[in-house]
Amino acid sequence: MPLIQPFLLPLVGLSSLGLVLSLIVHMCSLLGFPSPLGEQAWILHVGIFVVWFPAVIVMQALTKEFKQKDLWRAALRGCPSWMRRMTYGFGAYALINFAIFLMLVSGHDRSAETPAAIFRGFSGHWMAFYSAALAILYSALHAEERDDRRRCLAGHRVSPTANYCEECGQPVHEVPKRL
């Protein structure tokens, strides 16, 4: 991951910006307001690829030593718990929102200007992808530091996804940061 390391912070910033803008577009569409970005909101669709491809590369590096069942736990291990919950929440919301979107646009008359229902459907997915990219890229910045602080109650270092020490069986906790 050394090649991408200098780009992680700017990519976190872009992911955050994309998430905030997609959330604004989504909220406006839910309220029936036109997108404040107008037709330029479609740039958010392209922006996903700018942050998503690096996020996938970073995720592969973060999870290469882990089992498939621990993929997301390993990829997001450097995130605070609120960020993990946000990512999972936006992912679940995108699925529900997509089902609602399909019902709203079935038989819809296509006009020159993009209606709020269309922005609603797409922005739900934008939020999911931007939040996942944000969490993965943020995790890459902090995973190693967090991995070093994971210890069992007896003080042994434990693997990043372990709940109990592989050596003595004690529960795992995270040692607070030293200032």
Protein backbone atom coordinates (compact mmCIF):
# COMPACT_ATOMS: atom_id res chain seq x y z
CA MET A 1 0.00 0.00 0.00
CA PRO A 2 2.97 2.41 0.06
CA LEU A 3 2.18 3.68 -3.46
CA ILE A 4 -1.30 4.84 -2.52
CA GLN A 5 -0.43 6.08 1.01
CA PRO A 6 0.16 9.75 -0.03
CA PHE A 7 -3.26 9.81 -1.71
CA LEU A 8 -5.27 8.39 1.20
CA LEU A 9 -5.99 11.69 2.95
CA PRO A 10 -7.11 13.52 -0.25
CA LEU A 11 -9.27 10.49 -1.15
CA VAL A 12 -10.83 10.56 2.33
CA GLY A 13 -11.61 14.23 1.72
CA LEU A 14 -13.16 13.52 -1.69
CA SER A 15 -15.21 10.65 -0.25
CA SER A 16 -16.45 12.91 2.55
CA LEU A 17 -17.38 15.64 0.08
CA GLY A 18 -19.15 13.15 -2.18
CA LEU A 19 -21.05 11.72 0.78
CA VAL A 20 -22.19 15.14 2.00
CA LEU A 21 -23.24 16.29 -1.49
CA SER A 22 -25.07 13.05 -2.23
CA LEU A 23 -26.85 13.33 1.13
CA ILE A 24 -27.93 16.88 0.25
CA VAL A 25 -29.19 15.78 -3.18
CA HIS A 26 -31.01 12.85 -1.56
CA MET A 27 -32.66 14.95 1.15
CA CYS A 28 -33.83 17.50 -1.43
CA SER A 29 -35.28 14.73 -3.57
CA LEU A 30 -37.12 13.25 -0.56
CA LEU A 31 -38.62 16.65 0.18
CA GLY A 32 -39.59 17.15 -3.47
CA PHE A 33 -37.14 20.00 -4.01
CA PRO A 34 -34.97 20.23 -7.11
CA SER A 35 -31.33 19.27 -6.66
CA PRO A 36 -29.30 22.29 -5.51
CA LEU A 37 -26.61 21.07 -7.88
CA GLY A 38 -29.05 20.88 -10.79
CA GLU A 39 -28.01 18.53 -13.54
CA GLN A 40 -24.42 18.88 -12.28
CA ALA A 41 -25.39 16.38 -9.56
CA TRP A 42 -24.55 13.66 -12.10
CA ILE A 43 -20.88 14.46 -11.46
CA LEU A 44 -21.39 12.59 -8.17
CA HIS A 45 -22.04 9.47 -10.23
CA VAL A 46 -18.64 9.78 -11.90
CA GLY A 47 -16.99 10.77 -8.62
CA ILE A 48 -17.79 7.38 -7.13
CA PHE A 49 -15.29 5.77 -9.47
CA VAL A 50 -12.59 8.27 -8.49
CA VAL A 51 -12.75 7.11 -4.88
CA TRP A 52 -14.09 3.58 -5.30
CA PHE A 53 -11.26 2.07 -7.37
CA PRO A 54 -8.59 3.16 -4.84
CA ALA A 55 -10.86 1.97 -2.01
CA VAL A 56 -11.06 -1.51 -3.57
CA ILE A 57 -7.26 -1.64 -3.93
CA VAL A 58 -6.83 -0.53 -0.32
CA MET A 59 -9.47 -3.02 0.85
CA GLN A 60 -7.58 -5.87 -0.82
CA ALA A 61 -4.43 -4.85 1.06
CA LEU A 62 -6.29 -4.51 4.38
CA THR A 63 -7.98 -7.92 4.08
CA LYS A 64 -5.38 -10.11 2.36
CA GLU A 65 -4.61 -12.11 5.53
CA PHE A 66 -8.21 -12.56 6.64
CA LYS A 67 -10.95 -15.06 5.96
CA GLN A 68 -13.76 -14.10 3.58
CA LYS A 69 -16.29 -14.05 6.43
CA ASP A 70 -14.22 -11.35 8.18
CA LEU A 71 -13.78 -9.21 5.05
CA TRP A 72 -15.71 -6.10 6.11
CA ARG A 73 -14.64 -6.39 9.73
CA ALA A 74 -11.00 -6.50 8.62
CA ALA A 75 -11.41 -3.72 6.06
CA LEU A 76 -13.07 -1.37 8.56
CA ARG A 77 -11.01 -2.26 11.62
CA GLY A 78 -9.31 1.15 11.66
CA CYS A 79 -12.64 3.02 11.79
CA PRO A 80 -14.49 4.26 14.83
CA SER A 81 -17.64 2.26 15.49
CA TRP A 82 -19.95 5.10 14.41
CA MET A 83 -18.32 5.09 10.96
CA ARG A 84 -18.79 1.33 10.59
CA ARG A 85 -22.45 1.65 11.59
CA MET A 86 -22.90 4.55 9.16
CA THR A 87 -21.47 2.48 6.32
CA TYR A 88 -23.63 -0.54 7.07
CA GLY A 89 -26.65 1.73 7.50
CA PHE A 90 -26.18 3.47 4.16
CA GLY A 91 -25.69 0.08 2.50
CA ALA A 92 -28.97 -1.26 3.90
CA TYR A 93 -30.73 2.01 3.12
CA ALA A 94 -29.55 1.87 -0.51
CA LEU A 95 -31.28 -1.48 -0.98
CA ILE A 96 -34.55 -0.30 0.57
CA ASN A 97 -34.39 3.01 -1.28
CA PHE A 98 -33.80 1.21 -4.58
CA ALA A 99 -36.94 -0.88 -4.14
CA ILE A 100 -38.96 2.27 -3.41
CA PHE A 101 -37.33 4.03 -6.36
CA LEU A 102 -38.37 1.23 -8.72
CA MET A 103 -41.97 1.58 -7.59
CA LEU A 104 -41.88 5.37 -7.99
CA VAL A 105 -40.48 5.45 -11.51
CA SER A 106 -42.35 2.55 -13.08
CA GLY A 107 -44.27 4.02 -16.02
CA HIS A 108 -42.72 7.46 -15.38
CA ASP A 109 -42.81 9.96 -18.23
CA ARG A 110 -39.26 10.87 -19.19
CA SER A 111 -38.73 14.60 -19.46
CA ALA A 112 -35.71 16.71 -20.35
CA GLU A 113 -35.03 17.66 -16.72
CA THR A 114 -34.17 14.95 -14.19
CA PRO A 115 -37.06 14.54 -11.73
CA ALA A 116 -36.50 14.29 -7.98
CA ALA A 117 -37.46 10.58 -8.00
CA ILE A 118 -34.53 9.78 -10.31
CA PHE A 119 -32.09 11.69 -8.11
CA ARG A 120 -33.58 9.88 -5.12
CA GLY A 121 -32.79 6.48 -6.63
CA PHE A 122 -29.26 7.30 -7.64
CA SER A 123 -28.31 9.35 -4.59
CA GLY A 124 -29.20 6.43 -2.31
CA HIS A 125 -26.47 4.41 -4.01
CA TRP A 126 -24.09 7.36 -4.09
CA MET A 127 -24.37 7.63 -0.30
CA ALA A 128 -23.66 3.91 0.12
CA PHE A 129 -20.60 3.92 -2.13
CA TYR A 130 -19.15 7.19 -0.83
CA SER A 131 -19.60 6.09 2.80
CA ALA A 132 -17.99 2.71 2.10
CA ALA A 133 -15.06 4.36 0.30
CA LEU A 134 -14.70 6.87 3.14
CA ALA A 135 -14.66 4.13 5.78
CA ILE A 136 -12.22 1.90 3.89
CA LEU A 137 -9.80 4.72 3.13
CA TYR A 138 -10.05 6.10 6.67
CA SER A 139 -9.44 2.61 8.02
CA ALA A 140 -6.29 2.33 5.94
CA LEU A 141 -4.95 5.47 7.59
CA HIS A 142 -5.59 4.13 11.12
CA ALA A 143 -5.67 0.31 11.01
CA GLU A 144 -2.02 -0.27 11.83
CA GLU A 145 -2.12 2.09 14.80
CA ARG A 146 -5.31 0.46 16.09
CA ASP A 147 -3.91 -3.07 15.50
CA ASP A 148 -0.93 -2.20 17.71
CA ARG A 149 -3.24 -1.20 20.60
CA ARG A 150 -5.29 -4.43 20.62
CA ARG A 151 -4.36 -6.57 23.61
CA CYS A 152 -5.99 -9.17 25.80
CA LEU A 153 -6.48 -8.53 29.53
CA ALA A 154 -3.17 -10.34 30.17
CA GLY A 155 -1.36 -7.94 27.81
CA HIS A 156 -0.75 -10.21 24.80
CA ARG A 157 -1.05 -8.71 21.33
CA VAL A 158 -4.00 -10.18 19.42
CA SER A 159 -5.04 -10.32 15.79
CA PRO A 160 -7.18 -7.44 14.45
CA THR A 161 -10.46 -9.37 14.33
CA ALA A 162 -10.04 -11.53 17.45
CA ASN A 163 -12.49 -11.21 20.34
CA TYR A 164 -10.41 -13.44 22.59
CA CYS A 165 -6.66 -13.92 22.91
CA GLU A 166 -5.32 -16.76 20.80
CA GLU A 167 -2.66 -17.38 23.47
CA CYS A 168 -4.56 -17.33 26.78
CA GLY A 169 -8.27 -16.97 25.92
CA GLN A 170 -8.76 -13.67 27.79
CA PRO A 171 -11.15 -11.07 26.30
CA VAL A 172 -9.65 -8.45 23.99
CA HIS A 173 -9.64 -4.74 24.70
CA GLU A 174 -8.03 -1.75 23.08
CA VAL A 175 -5.24 -0.01 24.98
CA PRO A 176 -5.88 3.76 25.05
CA LYS A 177 -3.66 6.00 22.91
CA ARG A 178 -0.59 7.39 24.58
CA LEU A 179 -0.20 11.15 24.33
